[in-house]
Amino acid sequence: MNRSSNANRYGSLAERKLCESRGLIREGKHTSWCDAEFKNGTPVEIKAGMVSTGYWQIYEKYHNELRNHNGWYGFVVYKPVGRGIRILKERMVHSSNLPPLTWSNTNHQQRQSAKARIRFEEIVR
């Protein structure tokens, strides 16, 4: 399995684990800017990061969509363990309460949106 496949699998596992621990609804809720919802319908974008990377990436286009819908981020830091993961830290943050973001252009063909990096220590301590 290549690095990208592992990252996708680990990210999906992190989403599932956060949804279980926070009581979020995941099934049928996934869009480009929303991975789950609170039971009241408020959207949640889940950002999972492997402990070795040190940061999450936020895309401006999707961040703006989440903000327009008064949504939240679920931030997860995980460590691969065997074929699974262990959640090291997690935190829910309203999309209006992120640290200051510095947007930079990206060449990612699918996203075509500026991106910003958020270091883990800016969200979870």
PDB file of N, CA and C in Angstrom:
ATOM      1  N   MET A   1       0.855  -1.172   0.000  1.00  0.00           N
ATOM      2  CA  MET A   1       0.000   0.000   0.000  1.00  0.00           C
ATOM      3  C   MET A   1       0.903   1.238   0.000  1.00  0.00           C
ATOM      4  N   ASN A   2       0.591   2.222  -0.854  1.00  0.00           N
ATOM      5  CA  ASN A   2       1.445   3.406  -0.911  1.00  0.00           C
ATOM      6  C   ASN A   2       1.072   4.423   0.167  1.00  0.00           C
ATOM      7  N   ARG A   3       1.912   5.440   0.285  1.00  0.00           N
ATOM      8  CA  ARG A   3       1.754   6.440   1.345  1.00  0.00           C
ATOM      9  C   ARG A   3       0.398   7.146   1.292  1.00  0.00           C
ATOM     10  N   SER A   4      -0.050   7.489   0.078  1.00  0.00           N
ATOM     11  CA  SER A   4      -1.334   8.173  -0.091  1.00  0.00           C
ATOM     12  C   SER A   4      -2.497   7.277   0.329  1.00  0.00           C
ATOM     13  N   SER A   5      -2.434   6.007  -0.038  1.00  0.00           N
ATOM     14  CA  SER A   5      -3.488   5.062   0.365  1.00  0.00           C
ATOM     15  C   SER A   5      -3.541   4.930   1.880  1.00  0.00           C
ATOM     16  N   ASN A   6      -2.367   4.835   2.497  1.00  0.00           N
ATOM     17  CA  ASN A   6      -2.326   4.759   3.962  1.00  0.00           C
ATOM     18  C   ASN A   6      -2.919   6.008   4.587  1.00  0.00           C
ATOM     19  N   ALA A   7      -2.551   7.178   4.070  1.00  0.00           N
ATOM     20  CA  ALA A   7      -3.069   8.436   4.618  1.00  0.00           C
ATOM     21  C   ALA A   7      -4.589   8.473   4.513  1.00  0.00           C
ATOM     22  N   ASN A   8      -5.131   8.031   3.389  1.00  0.00           N
ATOM     23  CA  ASN A   8      -6.588   7.992   3.217  1.00  0.00           C
ATOM     24  C   ASN A   8      -7.225   7.047   4.217  1.00  0.00           C
ATOM     25  N   ARG A   9      -6.650   5.870   4.361  1.00  0.00           N
ATOM     26  CA  ARG A   9      -7.199   4.884   5.291  1.00  0.00           C
ATOM     27  C   ARG A   9      -7.129   5.393   6.724  1.00  0.00           C
ATOM     28  N   TYR A  10      -5.971   5.938   7.109  1.00  0.00           N
ATOM     29  CA  TYR A  10      -5.813   6.469   8.459  1.00  0.00           C
ATOM     30  C   TYR A  10      -6.785   7.625   8.709  1.00  0.00           C
ATOM     31  N   GLY A  11      -6.944   8.497   7.705  1.00  0.00           N
ATOM     32  CA  GLY A  11      -7.871   9.618   7.848  1.00  0.00           C
ATOM     33  C   GLY A  11      -9.299   9.146   8.060  1.00  0.00           C
ATOM     34  N   SER A  12      -9.701   8.123   7.314  1.00  0.00           N
ATOM     35  CA  SER A  12     -11.048   7.559   7.485  1.00  0.00           C
ATOM     36  C   SER A  12     -11.226   6.944   8.867  1.00  0.00           C
ATOM     37  N   LEU A  13     -10.196   6.254   9.340  1.00  0.00           N
ATOM     38  CA  LEU A  13     -10.260   5.681  10.688  1.00  0.00           C
ATOM     39  C   LEU A  13     -10.384   6.781  11.739  1.00  0.00           C
ATOM     40  N   ALA A  14      -9.623   7.864  11.558  1.00  0.00           N
ATOM     41  CA  ALA A  14      -9.681   8.984  12.506  1.00  0.00           C
ATOM     42  C   ALA A  14     -11.064   9.624  12.493  1.00  0.00           C
ATOM     43  N   GLU A  15     -11.652   9.785  11.299  1.00  0.00           N
ATOM     44  CA  GLU A  15     -13.008  10.334  11.202  1.00  0.00           C
ATOM     45  C   GLU A  15     -13.992   9.473  11.978  1.00  0.00           C
ATOM     46  N   ARG A  16     -13.915   8.157  11.752  1.00  0.00           N
ATOM     47  CA  ARG A  16     -14.832   7.250  12.443  1.00  0.00           C
ATOM     48  C   ARG A  16     -14.679   7.327  13.958  1.00  0.00           C
ATOM     49  N   LYS A  17     -13.431   7.346  14.410  1.00  0.00           N
ATOM     50  CA  LYS A  17     -13.183   7.383  15.855  1.00  0.00           C
ATOM     51  C   LYS A  17     -13.676   8.688  16.478  1.00  0.00           C
ATOM     52  N   LEU A  18     -13.454   9.820  15.789  1.00  0.00           N
ATOM     53  CA  LEU A  18     -13.936  11.096  16.320  1.00  0.00           C
ATOM     54  C   LEU A  18     -15.463  11.115  16.349  1.00  0.00           C
ATOM     55  N   CYS A  19     -16.088  10.607  15.303  1.00  0.00           N
ATOM     56  CA  CYS A  19     -17.552  10.565  15.274  1.00  0.00           C
ATOM     57  C   CYS A  19     -18.102   9.726  16.418  1.00  0.00           C
ATOM     58  N   GLU A  20     -17.455   8.606  16.690  1.00  0.00           N
ATOM     59  CA  GLU A  20     -17.891   7.755  17.807  1.00  0.00           C
ATOM     60  C   GLU A  20     -17.730   8.471  19.137  1.00  0.00           C
ATOM     61  N   SER A  21     -16.571   9.114  19.351  1.00  0.00           N
ATOM     62  CA  SER A  21     -16.315   9.736  20.655  1.00  0.00           C
ATOM     63  C   SER A  21     -17.134  11.005  20.873  1.00  0.00           C
ATOM     64  N   ARG A  22     -17.524  11.683  19.794  1.00  0.00           N
ATOM     65  CA  ARG A  22     -18.266  12.949  19.917  1.00  0.00           C
ATOM     66  C   ARG A  22     -19.740  12.833  19.554  1.00  0.00           C
ATOM     67  N   GLY A  23     -20.185  11.652  19.209  1.00  0.00           N
ATOM     68  CA  GLY A  23     -21.596  11.460  18.861  1.00  0.00           C
ATOM     69  C   GLY A  23     -22.002  12.153  17.577  1.00  0.00           C
ATOM     70  N   LEU A  24     -21.090  12.207  16.607  1.00  0.00           N
ATOM     71  CA  LEU A  24     -21.361  12.859  15.326  1.00  0.00           C
ATOM     72  C   LEU A  24     -21.979  11.862  14.345  1.00  0.00           C
ATOM     73  N   ILE A  25     -22.756  12.379  13.411  1.00  0.00           N
ATOM     74  CA  ILE A  25     -23.373  11.561  12.372  1.00  0.00           C
ATOM     75  C   ILE A  25     -22.500  11.676  11.123  1.00  0.00           C
ATOM     76  N   ARG A  26     -22.022  10.543  10.643  1.00  0.00           N
ATOM     77  CA  ARG A  26     -21.091  10.537   9.516  1.00  0.00           C
ATOM     78  C   ARG A  26     -21.727   9.997   8.246  1.00  0.00           C
ATOM     79  N   GLU A  27     -22.540   8.982   8.367  1.00  0.00           N
ATOM     80  CA  GLU A  27     -23.099   8.303   7.197  1.00  0.00           C
ATOM     81  C   GLU A  27     -23.969   9.245   6.367  1.00  0.00           C
ATOM     82  N   GLY A  28     -23.644   9.326   5.073  1.00  0.00           N
ATOM     83  CA  GLY A  28     -24.442  10.133   4.151  1.00  0.00           C
ATOM     84  C   GLY A  28     -24.240  11.627   4.274  1.00  0.00           C
ATOM     85  N   LYS A  29     -23.247  12.073   5.044  1.00  0.00           N
ATOM     86  CA  LYS A  29     -23.056  13.500   5.294  1.00  0.00           C
ATOM     87  C   LYS A  29     -21.824  14.070   4.601  1.00  0.00           C
ATOM     88  N   HIS A  30     -21.024  13.245   3.948  1.00  0.00           N
ATOM     89  CA  HIS A  30     -19.733  13.681   3.430  1.00  0.00           C
ATOM     90  C   HIS A  30     -19.868  14.539   2.166  1.00  0.00           C
ATOM     91  N   THR A  31     -19.269  15.729   2.208  1.00  0.00           N
ATOM     92  CA  THR A  31     -19.145  16.606   1.037  1.00  0.00           C
ATOM     93  C   THR A  31     -17.691  17.070   0.987  1.00  0.00           C
ATOM     94  N   SER A  32     -17.371  17.948   0.060  1.00  0.00           N
ATOM     95  CA  SER A  32     -15.995  18.449  -0.039  1.00  0.00           C
ATOM     96  C   SER A  32     -15.600  19.281   1.175  1.00  0.00           C
ATOM     97  N   TRP A  33     -16.569  19.841   1.890  1.00  0.00           N
ATOM     98  CA  TRP A  33     -16.265  20.729   3.013  1.00  0.00           C
ATOM     99  C   TRP A  33     -16.850  20.243   4.344  1.00  0.00           C
ATOM    100  N   CYS A  34     -17.476  19.088   4.344  1.00  0.00           N
ATOM    101  CA  CYS A  34     -18.140  18.597   5.551  1.00  0.00           C
ATOM    102  C   CYS A  34     -18.030  17.074   5.610  1.00  0.00           C
ATOM    103  N   ASP A  35     -17.525  16.550   6.726  1.00  0.00           N
ATOM    104  CA  ASP A  35     -17.377  15.104   6.896  1.00  0.00           C
ATOM    105  C   ASP A  35     -18.457  14.481   7.769  1.00  0.00           C
ATOM    106  N   ALA A  36     -19.094  15.294   8.591  1.00  0.00           N
ATOM    107  CA  ALA A  36     -20.078  14.770   9.543  1.00  0.00           C
ATOM    108  C   ALA A  36     -20.969  15.925  10.012  1.00  0.00           C
ATOM    109  N   GLU A  37     -21.902  15.601  10.895  1.00  0.00           N
ATOM    110  CA  GLU A  37     -22.779  16.622  11.483  1.00  0.00           C
ATOM    111  C   GLU A  37     -23.013  16.307  12.950  1.00  0.00           C
ATOM    112  N   PHE A  38     -23.266  17.372  13.719  1.00  0.00           N
ATOM    113  CA  PHE A  38     -23.805  17.176  15.054  1.00  0.00           C
ATOM    114  C   PHE A  38     -25.246  16.694  14.882  1.00  0.00           C
ATOM    115  N   LYS A  39     -25.828  16.180  15.936  1.00  0.00           N
ATOM    116  CA  LYS A  39     -27.203  15.676  15.857  1.00  0.00           C
ATOM    117  C   LYS A  39     -28.205  16.763  15.475  1.00  0.00           C
ATOM    118  N   ASN A  40     -27.851  18.043  15.720  1.00  0.00           N
ATOM    119  CA  ASN A  40     -28.748  19.152  15.359  1.00  0.00           C
ATOM    120  C   ASN A  40     -28.557  19.609  13.913  1.00  0.00           C
ATOM    121  N   GLY A  41     -27.676  18.926  13.145  1.00  0.00           N
ATOM    122  CA  GLY A  41     -27.469  19.250  11.736  1.00  0.00           C
ATOM    123  C   GLY A  41     -26.313  20.192  11.450  1.00  0.00           C
ATOM    124  N   THR A  42     -25.642  20.697  12.478  1.00  0.00           N
ATOM    125  CA  THR A  42     -24.507  21.599  12.287  1.00  0.00           C
ATOM    126  C   THR A  42     -23.350  20.822  11.658  1.00  0.00           C
ATOM    127  N   PRO A  43     -22.778  21.331  10.547  1.00  0.00           N
ATOM    128  CA  PRO A  43     -21.716  20.600   9.859  1.00  0.00           C
ATOM    129  C   PRO A  43     -20.388  20.593  10.611  1.00  0.00           C
ATOM    130  N   VAL A  44     -19.636  19.513  10.407  1.00  0.00           N
ATOM    131  CA  VAL A  44     -18.316  19.340  11.010  1.00  0.00           C
ATOM    132  C   VAL A  44     -17.345  18.862   9.930  1.00  0.00           C
ATOM    133  N   GLU A  45     -16.246  19.555   9.777  1.00  0.00           N
ATOM    134  CA  GLU A  45     -15.150  19.125   8.912  1.00  0.00           C
ATOM    135  C   GLU A  45     -14.088  18.506   9.812  1.00  0.00           C
ATOM    136  N   ILE A  46     -13.690  17.283   9.527  1.00  0.00           N
ATOM    137  CA  ILE A  46     -12.715  16.591  10.368  1.00  0.00           C
ATOM    138  C   ILE A  46     -11.348  16.658   9.703  1.00  0.00           C
ATOM    139  N   LYS A  47     -10.382  17.150  10.450  1.00  0.00           N
ATOM    140  CA  LYS A  47      -9.003  17.250   9.973  1.00  0.00           C
ATOM    141  C   LYS A  47      -8.161  16.310  10.811  1.00  0.00           C
ATOM    142  N   ALA A  48      -7.618  15.284  10.171  1.00  0.00           N
ATOM    143  CA  ALA A  48      -6.794  14.296  10.858  1.00  0.00           C
ATOM    144  C   ALA A  48      -5.349  14.466  10.414  1.00  0.00           C
ATOM    145  N   GLY A  49      -4.434  14.416  11.367  1.00  0.00           N
ATOM    146  CA  GLY A  49      -3.020  14.546  11.049  1.00  0.00           C
ATOM    147  C   GLY A  49      -2.193  13.525  11.790  1.00  0.00           C
ATOM    148  N   MET A  50      -1.284  12.889  11.057  1.00  0.00           N
ATOM    149  CA  MET A  50      -0.355  11.948  11.683  1.00  0.00           C
ATOM    150  C   MET A  50       0.620  12.739  12.541  1.00  0.00           C
ATOM    151  N   VAL A  51       0.919  12.263  13.715  1.00  0.00           N
ATOM    152  CA  VAL A  51       1.749  12.973  14.684  1.00  0.00           C
ATOM    153  C   VAL A  51       3.073  13.423  14.061  1.00  0.00           C
ATOM    154  N   SER A  52       3.619  12.654  13.130  1.00  0.00           N
ATOM    155  CA  SER A  52       4.913  12.992  12.530  1.00  0.00           C
ATOM    156  C   SER A  52       4.859  14.186  11.584  1.00  0.00           C
ATOM    157  N   THR A  53       3.671  14.550  11.077  1.00  0.00           N
ATOM    158  CA  THR A  53       3.598  15.695  10.150  1.00  0.00           C
ATOM    159  C   THR A  53       3.637  17.026  10.882  1.00  0.00           C
ATOM    160  N   GLY A  54       2.950  17.117  12.011  1.00  0.00           N
ATOM    161  CA  GLY A  54       2.987  18.339  12.796  1.00  0.00           C
ATOM    162  C   GLY A  54       1.986  19.413  12.423  1.00  0.00           C
ATOM    163  N   TYR A  55       1.163  19.178  11.394  1.00  0.00           N
ATOM    164  CA  TYR A  55       0.209  20.212  10.993  1.00  0.00           C
ATOM    165  C   TYR A  55      -0.977  19.606  10.238  1.00  0.00           C
ATOM    166  N   TRP A  56      -2.048  20.408  10.152  1.00  0.00           N
ATOM    167  CA  TRP A  56      -3.193  20.107   9.296  1.00  0.00           C
ATOM    168  C   TRP A  56      -3.209  21.134   8.169  1.00  0.00           C
ATOM    169  N   GLN A  57      -3.821  20.782   7.047  1.00  0.00           N
ATOM    170  CA  GLN A  57      -4.027  21.736   5.958  1.00  0.00           C
ATOM    171  C   GLN A  57      -5.500  22.098   5.866  1.00  0.00           C
ATOM    172  N   ILE A  58      -5.754  23.385   5.714  1.00  0.00           N
ATOM    173  CA  ILE A  58      -7.106  23.911   5.563  1.00  0.00           C
ATOM    174  C   ILE A  58      -7.175  24.566   4.187  1.00  0.00           C
ATOM    175  N   TYR A  59      -8.211  24.286   3.424  1.00  0.00           N
ATOM    176  CA  TYR A  59      -8.381  24.905   2.110  1.00  0.00           C
ATOM    177  C   TYR A  59      -9.394  26.040   2.214  1.00  0.00           C
ATOM    178  N   GLU A  60      -9.015  27.184   1.663  1.00  0.00           N
ATOM    179  CA  GLU A  60      -9.805  28.404   1.812  1.00  0.00           C
ATOM    180  C   GLU A  60     -11.239  28.243   1.307  1.00  0.00           C
ATOM    181  N   LYS A  61     -11.398  27.648   0.142  1.00  0.00           N
ATOM    182  CA  LYS A  61     -12.729  27.474  -0.437  1.00  0.00           C
ATOM    183  C   LYS A  61     -13.641  26.688   0.501  1.00  0.00           C
ATOM    184  N   TYR A  62     -13.122  25.592   1.068  1.00  0.00           N
ATOM    185  CA  TYR A  62     -13.921  24.754   1.948  1.00  0.00           C
ATOM    186  C   TYR A  62     -14.096  25.393   3.323  1.00  0.00           C
ATOM    187  N   HIS A  63     -13.079  26.112   3.774  1.00  0.00           N
ATOM    188  CA  HIS A  63     -13.193  26.826   5.045  1.00  0.00           C
ATOM    189  C   HIS A  63     -14.315  27.869   4.954  1.00  0.00           C
ATOM    190  N   ASN A  64     -14.349  28.607   3.856  1.00  0.00           N
ATOM    191  CA  ASN A  64     -15.397  29.625   3.684  1.00  0.00           C
ATOM    192  C   ASN A  64     -16.783  28.997   3.659  1.00  0.00           C
ATOM    193  N   GLU A  65     -16.918  27.849   3.020  1.00  0.00           N
ATOM    194  CA  GLU A  65     -18.199  27.144   2.985  1.00  0.00           C
ATOM    195  C   GLU A  65     -18.617  26.720   4.393  1.00  0.00           C
ATOM    196  N   LEU A  66     -17.663  26.175   5.147  1.00  0.00           N
ATOM    197  CA  LEU A  66     -17.950  25.770   6.523  1.00  0.00           C
ATOM    198  C   LEU A  66     -18.343  26.978   7.372  1.00  0.00           C
ATOM    199  N   ARG A  67     -17.642  28.085   7.205  1.00  0.00           N
ATOM    200  CA  ARG A  67     -17.972  29.322   7.937  1.00  0.00           C
ATOM    201  C   ARG A  67     -19.379  29.800   7.579  1.00  0.00           C
ATOM    202  N   ASN A  68     -19.717  29.755   6.300  1.00  0.00           N
ATOM    203  CA  ASN A  68     -21.047  30.192   5.847  1.00  0.00           C
ATOM    204  C   ASN A  68     -22.164  29.356   6.452  1.00  0.00           C
ATOM    205  N   HIS A  69     -21.848  28.132   6.852  1.00  0.00           N
ATOM    206  CA  HIS A  69     -22.832  27.242   7.461  1.00  0.00           C
ATOM    207  C   HIS A  69     -22.665  27.126   8.977  1.00  0.00           C
ATOM    208  N   ASN A  70     -21.879  28.065   9.561  1.00  0.00           N
ATOM    209  CA  ASN A  70     -21.688  28.110  11.015  1.00  0.00           C
ATOM    210  C   ASN A  70     -21.150  26.789  11.564  1.00  0.00           C
ATOM    211  N   GLY A  71     -20.230  26.172  10.790  1.00  0.00           N
ATOM    212  CA  GLY A  71     -19.747  24.842  11.128  1.00  0.00           C
ATOM    213  C   GLY A  71     -18.557  24.806  12.072  1.00  0.00           C
ATOM    214  N   TRP A  72     -18.165  23.595  12.364  1.00  0.00           N
ATOM    215  CA  TRP A  72     -17.085  23.295  13.302  1.00  0.00           C
ATOM    216  C   TRP A  72     -16.022  22.454  12.632  1.00  0.00           C
ATOM    217  N   TYR A  73     -14.818  22.477  13.202  1.00  0.00           N
ATOM    218  CA  TYR A  73     -13.752  21.558  12.835  1.00  0.00           C
ATOM    219  C   TYR A  73     -13.570  20.561  13.969  1.00  0.00           C
ATOM    220  N   GLY A  74     -13.324  19.322  13.594  1.00  0.00           N
ATOM    221  CA  GLY A  74     -12.894  18.307  14.544  1.00  0.00           C
ATOM    222  C   GLY A  74     -11.445  17.987  14.210  1.00  0.00           C
ATOM    223  N   PHE A  75     -10.518  18.391  15.058  1.00  0.00           N
ATOM    224  CA  PHE A  75      -9.090  18.172  14.818  1.00  0.00           C
ATOM    225  C   PHE A  75      -8.633  16.922  15.559  1.00  0.00           C
ATOM    226  N   VAL A  76      -7.906  16.063  14.850  1.00  0.00           N
ATOM    227  CA  VAL A  76      -7.433  14.802  15.412  1.00  0.00           C
ATOM    228  C   VAL A  76      -5.940  14.651  15.116  1.00  0.00           C
ATOM    229  N   VAL A  77      -5.175  14.277  16.126  1.00  0.00           N
ATOM    230  CA  VAL A  77      -3.774  13.881  15.953  1.00  0.00           C
ATOM    231  C   VAL A  77      -3.718  12.390  16.259  1.00  0.00           C
ATOM    232  N   TYR A  78      -3.141  11.616  15.332  1.00  0.00           N
ATOM    233  CA  TYR A  78      -3.098  10.178  15.517  1.00  0.00           C
ATOM    234  C   TYR A  78      -1.707   9.618  15.242  1.00  0.00           C
ATOM    235  N   LYS A  79      -1.544   8.382  15.690  1.00  0.00           N
ATOM    236  CA  LYS A  79      -0.301   7.639  15.464  1.00  0.00           C
ATOM    237  C   LYS A  79      -0.686   6.288  14.870  1.00  0.00           C
ATOM    238  N   PRO A  80      -0.061   5.899  13.747  1.00  0.00           N
ATOM    239  CA  PRO A  80      -0.340   4.564  13.208  1.00  0.00           C
ATOM    240  C   PRO A  80       0.124   3.482  14.179  1.00  0.00           C
ATOM    241  N   VAL A  81      -0.703   2.459  14.349  1.00  0.00           N
ATOM    242  CA  VAL A  81      -0.375   1.326  15.207  1.00  0.00           C
ATOM    243  C   VAL A  81      -0.824   0.073  14.451  1.00  0.00           C
ATOM    244  N   GLY A  82       0.135  -0.704  13.982  1.00  0.00           N
ATOM    245  CA  GLY A  82      -0.213  -1.871  13.175  1.00  0.00           C
ATOM    246  C   GLY A  82      -0.969  -1.426  11.937  1.00  0.00           C
ATOM    247  N   ARG A  83      -2.139  -2.014  11.701  1.00  0.00           N
ATOM    248  CA  ARG A  83      -2.964  -1.607  10.559  1.00  0.00           C
ATOM    249  C   ARG A  83      -4.005  -0.563  10.953  1.00  0.00           C
ATOM    250  N   GLY A  84      -3.966  -0.126  12.198  1.00  0.00           N
ATOM    251  CA  GLY A  84      -4.927   0.857  12.678  1.00  0.00           C
ATOM    252  C   GLY A  84      -4.239   2.126  13.145  1.00  0.00           C
ATOM    253  N   ILE A  85      -4.926   2.873  13.986  1.00  0.00           N
ATOM    254  CA  ILE A  85      -4.378   4.123  14.525  1.00  0.00           C
ATOM    255  C   ILE A  85      -4.736   4.240  16.003  1.00  0.00           C
ATOM    256  N   ARG A  86      -3.998   5.065  16.697  1.00  0.00           N
ATOM    257  CA  ARG A  86      -4.338   5.447  18.069  1.00  0.00           C
ATOM    258  C   ARG A  86      -4.496   6.951  18.075  1.00  0.00           C
ATOM    259  N   ILE A  87      -5.627   7.434  18.568  1.00  0.00           N
ATOM    260  CA  ILE A  87      -5.862   8.875  18.681  1.00  0.00           C
ATOM    261  C   ILE A  87      -5.061   9.382  19.870  1.00  0.00           C
ATOM    262  N   LEU A  88      -4.209  10.367  19.616  1.00  0.00           N
ATOM    263  CA  LEU A  88      -3.399  10.957  20.684  1.00  0.00           C
ATOM    264  C   LEU A  88      -4.078  12.182  21.281  1.00  0.00           C
ATOM    265  N   LYS A  89      -4.681  12.988  20.408  1.00  0.00           N
ATOM    266  CA  LYS A  89      -5.372  14.197  20.861  1.00  0.00           C
ATOM    267  C   LYS A  89      -6.507  14.500  19.902  1.00  0.00           C
ATOM    268  N   GLU A  90      -7.540  15.133  20.440  1.00  0.00           N
ATOM    269  CA  GLU A  90      -8.647  15.593  19.601  1.00  0.00           C
ATOM    270  C   GLU A  90      -9.250  16.838  20.217  1.00  0.00           C
ATOM    271  N   ARG A  91      -9.820  17.669  19.365  1.00  0.00           N
ATOM    272  CA  ARG A  91     -10.458  18.888  19.860  1.00  0.00           C
ATOM    273  C   ARG A  91     -11.444  19.409  18.824  1.00  0.00           C
ATOM    274  N   MET A  92     -12.575  19.860  19.289  1.00  0.00           N
ATOM    275  CA  MET A  92     -13.585  20.504  18.437  1.00  0.00           C
ATOM    276  C   MET A  92     -13.388  22.007  18.545  1.00  0.00           C
ATOM    277  N   VAL A  93     -13.388  22.693  17.396  1.00  0.00           N
ATOM    278  CA  VAL A  93     -13.189  24.147  17.357  1.00  0.00           C
ATOM    279  C   VAL A  93     -14.173  24.739  16.354  1.00  0.00           C
ATOM    280  N   HIS A  94     -14.899  25.780  16.765  1.00  0.00           N
ATOM    281  CA  HIS A  94     -15.802  26.451  15.832  1.00  0.00           C
ATOM    282  C   HIS A  94     -14.968  27.074  14.722  1.00  0.00           C
ATOM    283  N   SER A  95     -15.498  27.072  13.510  1.00  0.00           N
ATOM    284  CA  SER A  95     -14.748  27.568  12.345  1.00  0.00           C
ATOM    285  C   SER A  95     -14.368  29.044  12.462  1.00  0.00           C
ATOM    286  N   SER A  96     -15.026  29.779  13.333  1.00  0.00           N
ATOM    287  CA  SER A  96     -14.678  31.197  13.532  1.00  0.00           C
ATOM    288  C   SER A  96     -13.565  31.377  14.561  1.00  0.00           C
ATOM    289  N   ASN A  97     -13.153  30.299  15.226  1.00  0.00           N
ATOM    290  CA  ASN A  97     -12.171  30.396  16.316  1.00  0.00           C
ATOM    291  C   ASN A  97     -10.812  29.787  15.992  1.00  0.00           C
ATOM    292  N   LEU A  98     -10.470  29.702  14.721  1.00  0.00           N
ATOM    293  CA  LEU A  98      -9.152  29.192  14.353  1.00  0.00           C
ATOM    294  C   LEU A  98      -8.096  30.261  14.603  1.00  0.00           C
ATOM    295  N   PRO A  99      -6.844  29.840  14.766  1.00  0.00           N
ATOM    296  CA  PRO A  99      -5.774  30.842  14.863  1.00  0.00           C
ATOM    297  C   PRO A  99      -5.685  31.601  13.536  1.00  0.00           C
ATOM    298  N   PRO A 100      -5.005  32.747  13.503  1.00  0.00           N
ATOM    299  CA  PRO A 100      -4.877  33.489  12.232  1.00  0.00           C
ATOM    300  C   PRO A 100      -4.305  32.580  11.134  1.00  0.00           C
ATOM    301  N   LEU A 101      -4.935  32.620   9.964  1.00  0.00           N
ATOM    302  CA  LEU A 101      -4.528  31.770   8.848  1.00  0.00           C
ATOM    303  C   LEU A 101      -3.799  32.587   7.786  1.00  0.00           C
ATOM    304  N   THR A 102      -2.727  32.035   7.252  1.00  0.00           N
ATOM    305  CA  THR A 102      -1.995  32.643   6.146  1.00  0.00           C
ATOM    306  C   THR A 102      -2.215  31.762   4.929  1.00  0.00           C
ATOM    307  N   TRP A 103      -2.934  32.285   3.936  1.00  0.00           N
ATOM    308  CA  TRP A 103      -3.287  31.504   2.761  1.00  0.00           C
ATOM    309  C   TRP A 103      -2.167  31.563   1.730  1.00  0.00           C
ATOM    310  N   SER A 104      -1.885  30.425   1.112  1.00  0.00           N
ATOM    311  CA  SER A 104      -0.912  30.369   0.017  1.00  0.00           C
ATOM    312  C   SER A 104      -1.521  29.567  -1.122  1.00  0.00           C
ATOM    313  N   ASN A 105      -1.090  29.848  -2.331  1.00  0.00           N
ATOM    314  CA  ASN A 105      -1.628  29.154  -3.503  1.00  0.00           C
ATOM    315  C   ASN A 105      -1.211  27.696  -3.496  1.00  0.00           C
ATOM    316  N   THR A 106      -2.027  26.882  -4.132  1.00  0.00           N
ATOM    317  CA  THR A 106      -1.739  25.458  -4.258  1.00  0.00           C
ATOM    318  C   THR A 106      -1.866  25.055  -5.713  1.00  0.00           C
ATOM    319  N   ASN A 107      -1.150  24.038  -6.091  1.00  0.00           N
ATOM    320  CA  ASN A 107      -1.249  23.508  -7.447  1.00  0.00           C
ATOM    321  C   ASN A 107      -2.082  22.235  -7.496  1.00  0.00           C
ATOM    322  N   HIS A 108      -2.777  21.948  -6.413  1.00  0.00           N
ATOM    323  CA  HIS A 108      -3.592  20.729  -6.341  1.00  0.00           C
ATOM    324  C   HIS A 108      -4.734  20.848  -7.346  1.00  0.00           C
ATOM    325  N   GLN A 109      -4.783  19.953  -8.325  1.00  0.00           N
ATOM    326  CA  GLN A 109      -5.749  20.042  -9.421  1.00  0.00           C
ATOM    327  C   GLN A 109      -7.196  19.953  -8.957  1.00  0.00           C
ATOM    328  N   GLN A 110      -7.484  19.120  -7.958  1.00  0.00           N
ATOM    329  CA  GLN A 110      -8.862  18.948  -7.535  1.00  0.00           C
ATOM    330  C   GLN A 110      -9.356  20.103  -6.667  1.00  0.00           C
ATOM    331  N   ARG A 111      -8.496  20.664  -5.854  1.00  0.00           N
ATOM    332  CA  ARG A 111      -8.957  21.651  -4.882  1.00  0.00           C
ATOM    333  C   ARG A 111      -8.990  23.071  -5.456  1.00  0.00           C
ATOM    334  N   GLN A 112      -8.000  23.435  -6.249  1.00  0.00           N
ATOM    335  CA  GLN A 112      -7.925  24.768  -6.862  1.00  0.00           C
ATOM    336  C   GLN A 112      -8.322  25.859  -5.871  1.00  0.00           C
ATOM    337  N   SER A 113      -7.703  25.841  -4.735  1.00  0.00           N
ATOM    338  CA  SER A 113      -8.012  26.781  -3.671  1.00  0.00           C
ATOM    339  C   SER A 113      -6.741  27.047  -2.883  1.00  0.00           C
ATOM    340  N   ALA A 114      -6.645  28.245  -2.328  1.00  0.00           N
ATOM    341  CA  ALA A 114      -5.510  28.546  -1.456  1.00  0.00           C
ATOM    342  C   ALA A 114      -5.598  27.657  -0.222  1.00  0.00           C
ATOM    343  N   LYS A 115      -4.451  27.409   0.402  1.00  0.00           N
ATOM    344  CA  LYS A 115      -4.433  26.564   1.593  1.00  0.00           C
ATOM    345  C   LYS A 115      -3.645  27.248   2.693  1.00  0.00           C
ATOM    346  N   ALA A 116      -3.903  26.819   3.905  1.00  0.00           N
ATOM    347  CA  ALA A 116      -3.165  27.302   5.079  1.00  0.00           C
ATOM    348  C   ALA A 116      -2.823  26.088   5.933  1.00  0.00           C
ATOM    349  N   ARG A 117      -1.714  26.189   6.618  1.00  0.00           N
ATOM    350  CA  ARG A 117      -1.323  25.138   7.548  1.00  0.00           C
ATOM    351  C   ARG A 117      -1.552  25.613   8.970  1.00  0.00           C
ATOM    352  N   ILE A 118      -2.049  24.683   9.782  1.00  0.00           N
ATOM    353  CA  ILE A 118      -2.220  24.955  11.211  1.00  0.00           C
ATOM    354  C   ILE A 118      -1.381  23.935  11.957  1.00  0.00           C
ATOM    355  N   ARG A 119      -0.418  24.406  12.729  1.00  0.00           N
ATOM    356  CA  ARG A 119       0.415  23.505  13.522  1.00  0.00           C
ATOM    357  C   ARG A 119      -0.423  22.882  14.649  1.00  0.00           C
ATOM    358  N   PHE A 120      -0.123  21.632  14.947  1.00  0.00           N
ATOM    359  CA  PHE A 120      -0.876  20.933  15.994  1.00  0.00           C
ATOM    360  C   PHE A 120      -0.935  21.728  17.290  1.00  0.00           C
ATOM    361  N   GLU A 121       0.202  22.303  17.695  1.00  0.00           N
ATOM    362  CA  GLU A 121       0.245  22.993  18.996  1.00  0.00           C
ATOM    363  C   GLU A 121      -0.608  24.257  19.033  1.00  0.00           C
ATOM    364  N   GLU A 122      -1.079  24.733  17.866  1.00  0.00           N
ATOM    365  CA  GLU A 122      -1.967  25.898  17.850  1.00  0.00           C
ATOM    366  C   GLU A 122      -3.393  25.510  18.239  1.00  0.00           C
ATOM    367  N   ILE A 123      -3.725  24.218  18.160  1.00  0.00           N
ATOM    368  CA  ILE A 123      -5.064  23.744  18.452  1.00  0.00           C
ATOM    369  C   ILE A 123      -5.101  22.845  19.684  1.00  0.00           C
ATOM    370  N   VAL A 124      -4.245  21.845  19.696  1.00  0.00           N
ATOM    371  CA  VAL A 124      -4.211  20.898  20.827  1.00  0.00           C
ATOM    372  C   VAL A 124      -2.889  21.010  21.535  1.00  0.00           C
ATOM    373  N   ARG A 125      -2.926  20.967  22.843  1.00  0.00           N
ATOM    374  CA  ARG A 125      -1.693  21.104  23.617  1.00  0.00           C
ATOM    375  C   ARG A 125      -1.418  19.871  24.427  1.00  0.00           C
TER     376      ARG A 125
END
